[in-house]
Amino acid sequence: MELLLAPQSLPFTAALVLLLLIGIVETVAVLSGLTLSSWLDVLFADSLQGAADSWLGWLHVGRVPVLVLLVSWLTAFSIIGMSFNTLAYSLFGLYLYPLFSVPTALVCSIPLVRLIGAGLIKVLPKDETSAVLLETLVGRTAVVINGTARAHYPAEAKTKNEQGQTFYVRVEPEQDSQTFTAGQSVLLIKQISGTRFLAIANPRPDLL
């Protein structure tokens, strides 16, 4: 407990607390019929599409769920940092200053995240990426939940796929003169890019 509460261990203790909070939020999300992991992948889908071709691809961003990589990094960062402080205290009777321990733990944890991501790629389904999931939403109905959608100015909407998974997307009307307001049901007719879709007013709102 002394190690966790020591001022020099604050960055690593904070990482552990964040891990705990993520676990709580994910549990609540699952009980509510959602998953934090898929929500994050959909939220950042526009950015993730090109991640594999950028420096982030080295960490397998875009091929492994963002939440999994975040949890892996937080775990590695906190364990490495705490280990450094434990070793320093046993040898010298004091904890390392964050100015030294944090950069060192950061540098050491990043290759571990890459290794974990490489291992997960081998076991994760290849055909269930967020991009594929988003494409299957065309033809599904959605409900605008935030803002007013206008041509070229999308609003947030919520929809579900055939498996009942909830997705948050951005919709804009197909016609320039049309608008969608919060609570309105729409039909997704075309994926523009990532989470952005063209939509029309739901022709059969009674079937929603």
N, C-alpha and C. Protein backbone atom coordinates (compact mmCIF):
# COMPACT_ATOMS: atom_id res chain seq x y z
N MET A 1 0.82 -1.21 0.00
CA MET A 1 0.00 0.00 0.00
C MET A 1 0.86 1.27 0.00
N GLU A 2 1.98 1.20 0.73
CA GLU A 2 2.90 2.34 0.76
C GLU A 2 3.42 2.66 -0.63
N LEU A 3 3.70 1.60 -1.40
CA LEU A 3 4.19 1.80 -2.76
C LEU A 3 3.16 2.50 -3.62
N LEU A 4 1.89 2.11 -3.50
CA LEU A 4 0.83 2.70 -4.31
C LEU A 4 0.58 4.16 -3.95
N LEU A 5 0.72 4.50 -2.68
CA LEU A 5 0.41 5.85 -2.21
C LEU A 5 1.60 6.79 -2.24
N ALA A 6 2.78 6.29 -2.53
CA ALA A 6 3.96 7.14 -2.58
C ALA A 6 3.83 8.16 -3.71
N PRO A 7 4.20 9.41 -3.47
CA PRO A 7 4.10 10.44 -4.54
C PRO A 7 4.84 10.05 -5.80
N GLN A 8 5.96 9.34 -5.66
CA GLN A 8 6.74 8.94 -6.84
C GLN A 8 6.00 7.89 -7.68
N SER A 9 5.03 7.22 -7.07
CA SER A 9 4.27 6.18 -7.79
C SER A 9 2.95 6.70 -8.33
N LEU A 10 2.67 7.98 -8.15
CA LEU A 10 1.37 8.53 -8.55
C LEU A 10 1.00 8.26 -10.01
N PRO A 11 1.90 8.44 -11.00
CA PRO A 11 1.52 8.15 -12.39
C PRO A 11 1.10 6.70 -12.61
N PHE A 12 1.77 5.77 -11.91
CA PHE A 12 1.47 4.36 -12.09
C PHE A 12 0.20 3.95 -11.33
N THR A 13 -0.01 4.58 -10.17
CA THR A 13 -1.25 4.35 -9.44
C THR A 13 -2.44 4.89 -10.23
N ALA A 14 -2.25 6.05 -10.87
CA ALA A 14 -3.31 6.63 -11.70
C ALA A 14 -3.66 5.70 -12.86
N ALA A 15 -2.64 5.06 -13.45
CA ALA A 15 -2.89 4.11 -14.55
C ALA A 15 -3.72 2.92 -14.06
N LEU A 16 -3.43 2.45 -12.84
CA LEU A 16 -4.20 1.34 -12.27
C LEU A 16 -5.64 1.75 -11.99
N VAL A 17 -5.82 2.98 -11.49
CA VAL A 17 -7.18 3.49 -11.22
C VAL A 17 -7.96 3.60 -12.53
N LEU A 18 -7.30 4.08 -13.58
CA LEU A 18 -7.96 4.19 -14.88
C LEU A 18 -8.36 2.81 -15.40
N LEU A 19 -7.50 1.81 -15.18
CA LEU A 19 -7.84 0.44 -15.56
C LEU A 19 -9.10 -0.02 -14.84
N LEU A 20 -9.18 0.29 -13.56
CA LEU A 20 -10.35 -0.10 -12.77
C LEU A 20 -11.60 0.59 -13.29
N LEU A 21 -11.48 1.87 -13.62
CA LEU A 21 -12.63 2.61 -14.14
C LEU A 21 -13.09 2.05 -15.48
N ILE A 22 -12.13 1.70 -16.34
CA ILE A 22 -12.48 1.11 -17.63
C ILE A 22 -13.23 -0.20 -17.42
N GLY A 23 -12.77 -1.01 -16.46
CA GLY A 23 -13.44 -2.26 -16.17
C GLY A 23 -14.86 -2.05 -15.70
N ILE A 24 -15.06 -1.04 -14.86
CA ILE A 24 -16.41 -0.75 -14.36
C ILE A 24 -17.32 -0.27 -15.49
N VAL A 25 -16.80 0.66 -16.31
CA VAL A 25 -17.60 1.19 -17.43
C VAL A 25 -17.94 0.09 -18.42
N GLU A 26 -16.97 -0.79 -18.71
CA GLU A 26 -17.21 -1.88 -19.65
C GLU A 26 -18.27 -2.84 -19.11
N THR A 27 -18.21 -3.11 -17.81
CA THR A 27 -19.20 -4.00 -17.19
C THR A 27 -20.60 -3.41 -17.29
N VAL A 28 -20.72 -2.11 -16.99
CA VAL A 28 -22.02 -1.44 -17.09
C VAL A 28 -22.50 -1.43 -18.53
N ALA A 29 -21.57 -1.19 -19.47
CA ALA A 29 -21.94 -1.15 -20.89
C ALA A 29 -22.46 -2.50 -21.36
N VAL A 30 -21.78 -3.58 -20.96
CA VAL A 30 -22.21 -4.93 -21.35
C VAL A 30 -23.60 -5.24 -20.78
N LEU A 31 -23.83 -4.85 -19.54
CA LEU A 31 -25.13 -5.09 -18.92
C LEU A 31 -26.24 -4.27 -19.59
N SER A 32 -25.83 -3.17 -20.25
CA SER A 32 -26.79 -2.32 -20.95
C SER A 32 -26.96 -2.71 -22.41
N GLY A 33 -26.26 -3.78 -22.82
CA GLY A 33 -26.35 -4.24 -24.19
C GLY A 33 -25.38 -3.58 -25.13
N LEU A 34 -24.39 -2.86 -24.58
CA LEU A 34 -23.38 -2.20 -25.40
C LEU A 34 -22.02 -2.78 -25.08
N THR A 35 -21.01 -2.39 -25.85
CA THR A 35 -19.63 -2.72 -25.51
C THR A 35 -18.78 -1.49 -25.74
N LEU A 36 -18.00 -1.12 -24.75
CA LEU A 36 -17.15 0.07 -24.85
C LEU A 36 -16.14 -0.10 -25.98
N SER A 37 -15.64 -1.32 -26.18
CA SER A 37 -14.63 -1.56 -27.21
C SER A 37 -15.17 -1.26 -28.60
N SER A 38 -16.32 -1.81 -28.94
CA SER A 38 -16.87 -1.58 -30.28
C SER A 38 -17.29 -0.13 -30.45
N TRP A 39 -17.75 0.52 -29.36
CA TRP A 39 -18.14 1.93 -29.44
C TRP A 39 -16.94 2.79 -29.76
N LEU A 40 -15.79 2.51 -29.14
CA LEU A 40 -14.58 3.27 -29.42
C LEU A 40 -14.11 3.06 -30.85
N ASP A 41 -14.16 1.80 -31.32
CA ASP A 41 -13.73 1.51 -32.68
C ASP A 41 -14.59 2.24 -33.70
N VAL A 42 -15.91 2.30 -33.43
CA VAL A 42 -16.79 3.01 -34.33
C VAL A 42 -16.57 4.51 -34.24
N LEU A 43 -16.36 5.03 -33.02
CA LEU A 43 -16.15 6.45 -32.82
C LEU A 43 -14.94 6.95 -33.58
N PHE A 44 -13.86 6.15 -33.57
CA PHE A 44 -12.62 6.55 -34.23
C PHE A 44 -12.43 5.87 -35.58
N ALA A 45 -13.52 5.37 -36.15
CA ALA A 45 -13.40 4.61 -37.40
C ALA A 45 -12.75 5.43 -38.51
N ASP A 46 -13.09 6.73 -38.60
CA ASP A 46 -12.51 7.57 -39.65
C ASP A 46 -10.99 7.64 -39.53
N SER A 47 -10.50 7.72 -38.29
CA SER A 47 -9.05 7.79 -38.06
C SER A 47 -8.39 6.44 -38.22
N LEU A 48 -9.09 5.37 -37.81
CA LEU A 48 -8.49 4.05 -37.82
C LEU A 48 -8.32 3.49 -39.23
N GLN A 49 -9.11 4.02 -40.18
CA GLN A 49 -9.03 3.49 -41.53
C GLN A 49 -7.62 3.61 -42.11
N GLY A 50 -6.92 4.71 -41.78
CA GLY A 50 -5.57 4.90 -42.31
C GLY A 50 -4.48 4.63 -41.30
N ALA A 51 -4.88 4.15 -40.12
CA ALA A 51 -3.89 3.95 -39.06
C ALA A 51 -2.88 2.88 -39.40
N ALA A 52 -3.33 1.81 -40.07
CA ALA A 52 -2.42 0.70 -40.37
C ALA A 52 -1.29 1.13 -41.30
N ASP A 53 -1.51 2.19 -42.07
CA ASP A 53 -0.47 2.65 -42.99
C ASP A 53 0.39 3.76 -42.39
N SER A 54 0.07 4.19 -41.15
CA SER A 54 0.85 5.22 -40.48
C SER A 54 1.74 4.58 -39.42
N TRP A 55 2.41 5.43 -38.63
CA TRP A 55 3.28 4.91 -37.57
C TRP A 55 2.49 4.16 -36.51
N LEU A 56 1.19 4.45 -36.41
CA LEU A 56 0.34 3.73 -35.44
C LEU A 56 0.18 2.27 -35.84
N GLY A 57 0.39 1.98 -37.13
CA GLY A 57 0.30 0.60 -37.57
C GLY A 57 1.31 -0.29 -36.90
N TRP A 58 2.42 0.29 -36.44
CA TRP A 58 3.46 -0.49 -35.73
C TRP A 58 2.91 -1.06 -34.44
N LEU A 59 1.92 -0.36 -33.86
CA LEU A 59 1.27 -0.83 -32.64
C LEU A 59 0.00 -1.61 -32.94
N HIS A 60 -0.24 -1.87 -34.22
CA HIS A 60 -1.41 -2.65 -34.67
C HIS A 60 -2.73 -1.91 -34.44
N VAL A 61 -2.67 -0.57 -34.36
CA VAL A 61 -3.89 0.21 -34.27
C VAL A 61 -4.64 0.08 -35.59
N GLY A 62 -5.92 -0.20 -35.51
CA GLY A 62 -6.73 -0.43 -36.70
C GLY A 62 -6.93 -1.91 -36.99
N ARG A 63 -6.08 -2.76 -36.38
CA ARG A 63 -6.23 -4.21 -36.55
C ARG A 63 -6.60 -4.90 -35.24
N VAL A 64 -6.37 -4.21 -34.14
CA VAL A 64 -6.73 -4.71 -32.81
C VAL A 64 -7.61 -3.65 -32.16
N PRO A 65 -8.68 -4.01 -31.45
CA PRO A 65 -9.56 -3.02 -30.81
C PRO A 65 -8.78 -2.00 -29.98
N VAL A 66 -9.17 -0.74 -30.12
CA VAL A 66 -8.48 0.35 -29.43
C VAL A 66 -8.46 0.13 -27.92
N LEU A 67 -9.60 -0.32 -27.37
CA LEU A 67 -9.68 -0.52 -25.93
C LEU A 67 -8.70 -1.59 -25.45
N VAL A 68 -8.51 -2.64 -26.23
CA VAL A 68 -7.58 -3.71 -25.86
C VAL A 68 -6.15 -3.17 -25.81
N LEU A 69 -5.79 -2.37 -26.81
CA LEU A 69 -4.45 -1.78 -26.82
C LEU A 69 -4.26 -0.81 -25.67
N LEU A 70 -5.30 -0.04 -25.35
CA LEU A 70 -5.22 0.91 -24.24
C LEU A 70 -5.04 0.18 -22.91
N VAL A 71 -5.82 -0.87 -22.71
CA VAL A 71 -5.71 -1.66 -21.47
C VAL A 71 -4.34 -2.32 -21.38
N SER A 72 -3.85 -2.82 -22.51
CA SER A 72 -2.53 -3.45 -22.53
C SER A 72 -1.44 -2.45 -22.14
N TRP A 73 -1.54 -1.24 -22.68
CA TRP A 73 -0.53 -0.24 -22.37
C TRP A 73 -0.60 0.21 -20.91
N LEU A 74 -1.80 0.45 -20.41
CA LEU A 74 -1.95 0.86 -19.01
C LEU A 74 -1.41 -0.21 -18.06
N THR A 75 -1.70 -1.48 -18.38
CA THR A 75 -1.22 -2.57 -17.54
C THR A 75 0.30 -2.64 -17.55
N ALA A 76 0.88 -2.62 -18.76
CA ALA A 76 2.34 -2.71 -18.88
C ALA A 76 3.02 -1.51 -18.23
N PHE A 77 2.48 -0.33 -18.46
CA PHE A 77 3.06 0.90 -17.92
C PHE A 77 3.07 0.89 -16.39
N SER A 78 1.93 0.50 -15.79
CA SER A 78 1.84 0.50 -14.33
C SER A 78 2.72 -0.58 -13.71
N ILE A 79 2.73 -1.78 -14.29
CA ILE A 79 3.53 -2.88 -13.73
C ILE A 79 5.03 -2.57 -13.82
N ILE A 80 5.45 -2.06 -14.98
CA ILE A 80 6.87 -1.73 -15.15
C ILE A 80 7.28 -0.61 -14.19
N GLY A 81 6.45 0.42 -14.08
CA GLY A 81 6.76 1.52 -13.19
C GLY A 81 6.84 1.10 -11.73
N MET A 82 5.87 0.29 -11.30
CA MET A 82 5.87 -0.20 -9.93
C MET A 82 7.07 -1.10 -9.67
N SER A 83 7.42 -1.89 -10.68
CA SER A 83 8.58 -2.79 -10.53
C SER A 83 9.87 -1.99 -10.36
N PHE A 84 10.02 -0.92 -11.14
CA PHE A 84 11.19 -0.06 -11.01
C PHE A 84 11.29 0.53 -9.60
N ASN A 85 10.15 1.01 -9.10
CA ASN A 85 10.14 1.62 -7.77
C ASN A 85 10.41 0.59 -6.68
N THR A 86 9.87 -0.61 -6.84
CA THR A 86 10.13 -1.67 -5.86
C THR A 86 11.61 -2.04 -5.84
N LEU A 87 12.20 -2.17 -7.03
CA LEU A 87 13.62 -2.51 -7.11
C LEU A 87 14.48 -1.39 -6.52
N ALA A 88 14.16 -0.15 -6.84
CA ALA A 88 14.94 0.98 -6.34
C ALA A 88 14.85 1.07 -4.81
N TYR A 89 13.67 0.81 -4.27
CA TYR A 89 13.51 0.89 -2.82
C TYR A 89 14.28 -0.22 -2.12
N SER A 90 14.28 -1.42 -2.72
CA SER A 90 15.00 -2.54 -2.11
C SER A 90 16.51 -2.35 -2.17
N LEU A 91 17.01 -1.65 -3.18
CA LEU A 91 18.45 -1.45 -3.34
C LEU A 91 18.96 -0.18 -2.64
N PHE A 92 18.16 0.89 -2.74
CA PHE A 92 18.66 2.18 -2.25
C PHE A 92 17.79 2.80 -1.15
N GLY A 93 16.65 2.16 -0.85
CA GLY A 93 15.79 2.68 0.20
C GLY A 93 14.99 3.91 -0.20
N LEU A 94 14.79 4.11 -1.49
CA LEU A 94 13.99 5.25 -1.96
C LEU A 94 13.37 4.91 -3.31
N TYR A 95 12.33 5.64 -3.64
CA TYR A 95 11.64 5.44 -4.91
C TYR A 95 12.21 6.37 -5.98
N LEU A 96 12.09 5.95 -7.22
CA LEU A 96 12.60 6.76 -8.33
C LEU A 96 11.72 7.98 -8.56
N TYR A 97 12.33 9.09 -8.94
CA TYR A 97 11.55 10.27 -9.28
C TYR A 97 10.81 10.03 -10.59
N PRO A 98 9.55 10.50 -10.68
CA PRO A 98 8.77 10.32 -11.92
C PRO A 98 9.47 10.85 -13.16
N LEU A 99 10.30 11.87 -13.00
CA LEU A 99 11.01 12.43 -14.14
C LEU A 99 11.87 11.37 -14.84
N PHE A 100 12.31 10.37 -14.06
CA PHE A 100 13.10 9.28 -14.64
C PHE A 100 12.24 8.03 -14.89
N SER A 101 11.40 7.69 -13.92
CA SER A 101 10.67 6.42 -14.00
C SER A 101 9.56 6.43 -15.06
N VAL A 102 8.87 7.57 -15.23
CA VAL A 102 7.76 7.62 -16.19
C VAL A 102 8.24 7.45 -17.63
N PRO A 103 9.25 8.22 -18.10
CA PRO A 103 9.73 8.01 -19.47
C PRO A 103 10.27 6.61 -19.69
N THR A 104 10.96 6.07 -18.67
CA THR A 104 11.52 4.73 -18.80
C THR A 104 10.42 3.68 -18.93
N ALA A 105 9.39 3.80 -18.08
CA ALA A 105 8.26 2.86 -18.14
C ALA A 105 7.51 3.00 -19.45
N LEU A 106 7.41 4.23 -19.94
CA LEU A 106 6.72 4.46 -21.22
C LEU A 106 7.45 3.80 -22.37
N VAL A 107 8.77 4.00 -22.42
CA VAL A 107 9.57 3.41 -23.50
C VAL A 107 9.55 1.89 -23.44
N CYS A 108 9.59 1.33 -22.24
CA CYS A 108 9.61 -0.13 -22.09
C CYS A 108 8.24 -0.76 -22.35
N SER A 109 7.16 0.00 -22.11
CA SER A 109 5.81 -0.57 -22.25
C SER A 109 5.34 -0.62 -23.69
N ILE A 110 5.79 0.31 -24.52
CA ILE A 110 5.32 0.37 -25.91
C ILE A 110 5.66 -0.89 -26.70
N PRO A 111 6.90 -1.42 -26.63
CA PRO A 111 7.17 -2.68 -27.34
C PRO A 111 6.31 -3.85 -26.83
N LEU A 112 5.96 -3.82 -25.54
CA LEU A 112 5.09 -4.89 -25.01
C LEU A 112 3.70 -4.80 -25.63
N VAL A 113 3.22 -3.58 -25.83
CA VAL A 113 1.91 -3.41 -26.47
C VAL A 113 1.95 -3.96 -27.89
N ARG A 114 3.05 -3.71 -28.59
CA ARG A 114 3.20 -4.25 -29.95
C ARG A 114 3.18 -5.78 -29.93
N LEU A 115 3.87 -6.40 -28.98
CA LEU A 115 3.90 -7.86 -28.88
C LEU A 115 2.53 -8.42 -28.56
N ILE A 116 1.82 -7.76 -27.64
CA ILE A 116 0.46 -8.21 -27.29
C ILE A 116 -0.46 -8.09 -28.50
N GLY A 117 -0.35 -6.96 -29.21
CA GLY A 117 -1.18 -6.76 -30.40
C GLY A 117 -0.90 -7.80 -31.46
N ALA A 118 0.39 -8.13 -31.66
CA ALA A 118 0.75 -9.15 -32.65
C ALA A 118 0.15 -10.50 -32.30
N GLY A 119 0.14 -10.82 -31.00
CA GLY A 119 -0.44 -12.08 -30.58
C GLY A 119 -1.95 -12.10 -30.76
N LEU A 120 -2.60 -10.97 -30.49
CA LEU A 120 -4.06 -10.91 -30.61
C LEU A 120 -4.52 -10.99 -32.06
N ILE A 121 -3.71 -10.43 -32.97
CA ILE A 121 -4.08 -10.48 -34.39
C ILE A 121 -4.25 -11.93 -34.86
N LYS A 122 -3.45 -12.83 -34.28
CA LYS A 122 -3.50 -14.23 -34.69
C LYS A 122 -4.76 -14.95 -34.21
N VAL A 123 -5.38 -14.42 -33.15
CA VAL A 123 -6.54 -15.12 -32.58
C VAL A 123 -7.85 -14.38 -32.82
N LEU A 124 -7.78 -13.07 -33.11
CA LEU A 124 -9.01 -12.33 -33.35
C LEU A 124 -9.59 -12.66 -34.72
N PRO A 125 -10.93 -12.72 -34.84
CA PRO A 125 -11.55 -12.98 -36.13
C PRO A 125 -11.14 -11.96 -37.16
N LYS A 126 -10.77 -12.42 -38.35
CA LYS A 126 -10.30 -11.51 -39.39
C LYS A 126 -11.44 -10.76 -40.08
N ASP A 127 -12.64 -11.30 -39.96
CA ASP A 127 -13.74 -10.71 -40.73
C ASP A 127 -14.67 -9.88 -39.87
N GLU A 128 -14.27 -9.51 -38.67
CA GLU A 128 -15.16 -8.75 -37.82
C GLU A 128 -14.54 -7.40 -37.43
N THR A 129 -13.86 -6.77 -38.37
CA THR A 129 -13.30 -5.45 -38.12
C THR A 129 -14.43 -4.43 -38.08
N SER A 130 -14.14 -3.25 -37.50
CA SER A 130 -15.17 -2.22 -37.40
C SER A 130 -15.60 -1.76 -38.79
N ALA A 131 -14.68 -1.75 -39.76
CA ALA A 131 -15.04 -1.31 -41.10
C ALA A 131 -16.10 -2.22 -41.70
N VAL A 132 -15.92 -3.52 -41.55
CA VAL A 132 -16.90 -4.47 -42.07
C VAL A 132 -18.22 -4.31 -41.36
N LEU A 133 -18.18 -4.15 -40.03
CA LEU A 133 -19.41 -3.98 -39.27
C LEU A 133 -20.16 -2.74 -39.70
N LEU A 134 -19.45 -1.67 -39.98
CA LEU A 134 -20.09 -0.43 -40.39
C LEU A 134 -20.76 -0.57 -41.75
N GLU A 135 -20.13 -1.28 -42.65
CA GLU A 135 -20.71 -1.47 -43.98
C GLU A 135 -22.05 -2.19 -43.90
N THR A 136 -22.20 -3.08 -42.94
CA THR A 136 -23.43 -3.86 -42.84
C THR A 136 -24.59 -3.04 -42.29
N LEU A 137 -24.32 -1.80 -41.83
CA LEU A 137 -25.39 -0.98 -41.29
C LEU A 137 -26.23 -0.31 -42.37
N VAL A 138 -25.73 -0.30 -43.61
CA VAL A 138 -26.53 0.26 -44.71
C VAL A 138 -27.80 -0.55 -44.85
N GLY A 139 -28.93 0.15 -44.89
CA GLY A 139 -30.22 -0.52 -44.95
C GLY A 139 -30.88 -0.67 -43.59
N ARG A 140 -30.15 -0.33 -42.52
CA ARG A 140 -30.71 -0.40 -41.18
C ARG A 140 -31.34 0.95 -40.81
N THR A 141 -32.27 0.94 -39.88
CA THR A 141 -32.84 2.18 -39.39
C THR A 141 -32.04 2.69 -38.20
N ALA A 142 -32.08 4.00 -37.99
CA ALA A 142 -31.37 4.62 -36.88
C ALA A 142 -32.24 5.73 -36.31
N VAL A 143 -31.94 6.13 -35.09
CA VAL A 143 -32.67 7.21 -34.44
C VAL A 143 -31.68 8.32 -34.10
N VAL A 144 -31.99 9.53 -34.54
CA VAL A 144 -31.14 10.68 -34.24
C VAL A 144 -31.23 10.95 -32.74
N ILE A 145 -30.10 11.06 -32.09
CA ILE A 145 -30.10 11.24 -30.63
C ILE A 145 -29.50 12.57 -30.18
N ASN A 146 -28.83 13.26 -31.08
CA ASN A 146 -28.18 14.51 -30.67
C ASN A 146 -28.00 15.43 -31.86
N GLY A 147 -28.50 16.66 -31.74
CA GLY A 147 -28.32 17.66 -32.78
C GLY A 147 -29.35 17.57 -33.89
N THR A 148 -29.17 18.41 -34.88
CA THR A 148 -30.02 18.44 -36.06
C THR A 148 -29.15 18.18 -37.28
N ALA A 149 -29.52 17.17 -38.05
CA ALA A 149 -28.74 16.79 -39.22
C ALA A 149 -29.18 17.61 -40.43
N ARG A 150 -28.22 18.21 -41.10
CA ARG A 150 -28.44 18.94 -42.35
C ARG A 150 -27.45 18.45 -43.38
N ALA A 151 -27.66 18.81 -44.61
CA ALA A 151 -26.74 18.41 -45.67
C ALA A 151 -25.32 18.88 -45.34
N HIS A 152 -24.38 17.94 -45.30
CA HIS A 152 -22.97 18.20 -45.00
C HIS A 152 -22.71 18.53 -43.52
N TYR A 153 -23.75 18.47 -42.69
CA TYR A 153 -23.61 18.71 -41.26
C TYR A 153 -24.31 17.57 -40.50
N PRO A 154 -23.62 16.46 -40.32
CA PRO A 154 -24.26 15.28 -39.72
C PRO A 154 -24.57 15.45 -38.23
N ALA A 155 -25.52 14.66 -37.79
CA ALA A 155 -25.88 14.60 -36.37
C ALA A 155 -25.68 13.16 -35.89
N GLU A 156 -25.56 12.99 -34.59
CA GLU A 156 -25.32 11.66 -34.04
C GLU A 156 -26.61 10.86 -34.00
N ALA A 157 -26.49 9.58 -34.35
CA ALA A 157 -27.65 8.69 -34.34
C ALA A 157 -27.23 7.32 -33.79
N LYS A 158 -28.21 6.57 -33.37
CA LYS A 158 -27.96 5.25 -32.79
C LYS A 158 -28.70 4.19 -33.60
N THR A 159 -28.01 3.09 -33.88
CA THR A 159 -28.60 2.01 -34.65
C THR A 159 -28.11 0.67 -34.13
N LYS A 160 -28.65 -0.42 -34.67
CA LYS A 160 -28.21 -1.76 -34.28
C LYS A 160 -28.03 -2.62 -35.52
N ASN A 161 -27.10 -3.58 -35.44
CA ASN A 161 -26.93 -4.51 -36.55
C ASN A 161 -27.80 -5.74 -36.33
N GLU A 162 -27.65 -6.74 -37.18
CA GLU A 162 -28.49 -7.92 -37.09
C GLU A 162 -28.27 -8.71 -35.80
N GLN A 163 -27.09 -8.57 -35.22
CA GLN A 163 -26.78 -9.28 -33.98
C GLN A 163 -27.23 -8.52 -32.74
N GLY A 164 -27.83 -7.35 -32.94
CA GLY A 164 -28.31 -6.57 -31.82
C GLY A 164 -27.28 -5.66 -31.19
N GLN A 165 -26.08 -5.57 -31.80
CA GLN A 165 -25.05 -4.68 -31.27
C GLN A 165 -25.41 -3.24 -31.59
N THR A 166 -25.19 -2.35 -30.63
CA THR A 166 -25.51 -0.94 -30.79
C THR A 166 -24.32 -0.18 -31.37
N PHE A 167 -24.59 0.69 -32.34
CA PHE A 167 -23.55 1.50 -32.96
C PHE A 167 -24.01 2.96 -32.97
N TYR A 168 -23.03 3.84 -32.77
CA TYR A 168 -23.30 5.27 -32.85
C TYR A 168 -22.67 5.80 -34.14
N VAL A 169 -23.50 6.38 -34.98
CA VAL A 169 -23.05 6.84 -36.29
C VAL A 169 -23.44 8.31 -36.46
N ARG A 170 -22.96 8.88 -37.56
CA ARG A 170 -23.33 10.26 -37.90
C ARG A 170 -24.12 10.23 -39.20
N VAL A 171 -25.26 10.88 -39.19
CA VAL A 171 -26.14 10.84 -40.37
C VAL A 171 -26.38 12.25 -40.89
N GLU A 172 -26.57 12.32 -42.20
CA GLU A 172 -26.96 13.57 -42.84
C GLU A 172 -27.95 13.25 -43.94
N PRO A 173 -28.89 14.13 -44.21
CA PRO A 173 -29.94 13.84 -45.20
C PRO A 173 -29.40 13.79 -46.62
N GLU A 174 -30.04 12.98 -47.42
CA GLU A 174 -29.64 12.86 -48.82
C GLU A 174 -29.98 14.13 -49.59
N GLN A 175 -31.12 14.75 -49.26
CA GLN A 175 -31.56 15.95 -49.95
C GLN A 175 -31.11 17.20 -49.18
N ASP A 176 -30.65 18.20 -49.93
CA ASP A 176 -30.14 19.42 -49.31
C ASP A 176 -31.19 20.16 -48.49
N SER A 177 -32.44 20.06 -48.88
CA SER A 177 -33.50 20.82 -48.21
C SER A 177 -34.05 20.10 -46.97
N GLN A 178 -33.61 18.89 -46.73
CA GLN A 178 -34.17 18.09 -45.65
C GLN A 178 -33.33 18.21 -44.38
N THR A 179 -33.97 18.05 -43.23
CA THR A 179 -33.28 18.03 -41.94
C THR A 179 -33.84 16.89 -41.09
N PHE A 180 -33.02 16.39 -40.18
CA PHE A 180 -33.43 15.37 -39.22
C PHE A 180 -33.19 15.92 -37.82
N THR A 181 -34.18 15.82 -36.96
CA THR A 181 -34.05 16.32 -35.59
C THR A 181 -33.98 15.15 -34.61
N ALA A 182 -33.59 15.47 -33.39
CA ALA A 182 -33.45 14.44 -32.36
C ALA A 182 -34.76 13.69 -32.16
N GLY A 183 -34.65 12.37 -32.10
CA GLY A 183 -35.81 11.51 -31.93
C GLY A 183 -36.40 11.01 -33.23
N GLN A 184 -35.93 11.55 -34.37
CA GLN A 184 -36.48 11.14 -35.67
C GLN A 184 -35.84 9.85 -36.14
N SER A 185 -36.64 8.99 -36.73
CA SER A 185 -36.17 7.72 -37.27
C SER A 185 -35.77 7.90 -38.73
N VAL A 186 -34.59 7.37 -39.09
CA VAL A 186 -34.09 7.51 -40.46
C VAL A 186 -33.63 6.15 -40.97
N LEU A 187 -33.48 6.05 -42.27
CA LEU A 187 -32.99 4.84 -42.92
C LEU A 187 -31.62 5.12 -43.53
N LEU A 188 -30.62 4.34 -43.14
CA LEU A 188 -29.27 4.53 -43.66
C LEU A 188 -29.19 3.96 -45.07
N ILE A 189 -28.84 4.79 -46.05
CA ILE A 189 -28.85 4.34 -47.44
C ILE A 189 -27.46 4.26 -48.06
N LYS A 190 -26.46 4.94 -47.45
CA LYS A 190 -25.12 4.92 -48.04
C LYS A 190 -24.08 5.30 -46.98
N GLN A 191 -22.97 4.57 -46.95
CA GLN A 191 -21.87 4.94 -46.07
C GLN A 191 -20.98 5.93 -46.81
N ILE A 192 -20.84 7.13 -46.28
CA ILE A 192 -19.98 8.14 -46.91
C ILE A 192 -18.53 7.84 -46.59
N SER A 193 -18.22 7.70 -45.31
CA SER A 193 -16.88 7.32 -44.86
C SER A 193 -16.94 7.08 -43.36
N GLY A 194 -16.30 6.01 -42.92
CA GLY A 194 -16.27 5.71 -41.49
C GLY A 194 -17.65 5.63 -40.89
N THR A 195 -17.93 6.48 -39.91
CA THR A 195 -19.22 6.45 -39.22
C THR A 195 -20.24 7.39 -39.87
N ARG A 196 -19.89 7.97 -40.98
CA ARG A 196 -20.76 8.97 -41.61
C ARG A 196 -21.62 8.32 -42.70
N PHE A 197 -22.94 8.53 -42.61
CA PHE A 197 -23.89 7.90 -43.52
C PHE A 197 -24.86 8.92 -44.09
N LEU A 198 -25.27 8.66 -45.34
CA LEU A 198 -26.42 9.36 -45.91
C LEU A 198 -27.68 8.65 -45.46
N ALA A 199 -28.75 9.41 -45.23
CA ALA A 199 -29.99 8.80 -44.75
C ALA A 199 -31.19 9.50 -45.34
N ILE A 200 -32.30 8.79 -45.29
CA ILE A 200 -33.59 9.37 -45.66
C ILE A 200 -34.54 9.13 -44.49
N ALA A 201 -35.63 9.85 -44.48
CA ALA A 201 -36.62 9.63 -43.43
C ALA A 201 -37.12 8.19 -43.50
N ASN A 202 -37.26 7.56 -42.37
CA ASN A 202 -37.69 6.17 -42.32
C ASN A 202 -39.08 6.03 -42.95
N PRO A 203 -39.19 5.32 -44.08
CA PRO A 203 -40.50 5.21 -44.75
C PRO A 203 -41.48 4.34 -43.97
N ARG A 204 -40.97 3.52 -43.05
CA ARG A 204 -41.85 2.65 -42.25
C ARG A 204 -41.48 2.77 -40.76
N PRO A 205 -41.71 3.93 -40.14
CA PRO A 205 -41.36 4.10 -38.73
C PRO A 205 -42.07 3.13 -37.81
N ASP A 206 -43.20 2.58 -38.27
CA ASP A 206 -43.92 1.62 -37.45
C ASP A 206 -43.18 0.31 -37.31
N LEU A 207 -42.16 0.07 -38.18
CA LEU A 207 -41.40 -1.18 -38.13
C LEU A 207 -40.10 -1.03 -37.35
N LEU A 208 -39.80 0.15 -36.83
CA LEU A 208 -38.57 0.41 -36.08
C LEU A 208 -38.53 -0.44 -34.82
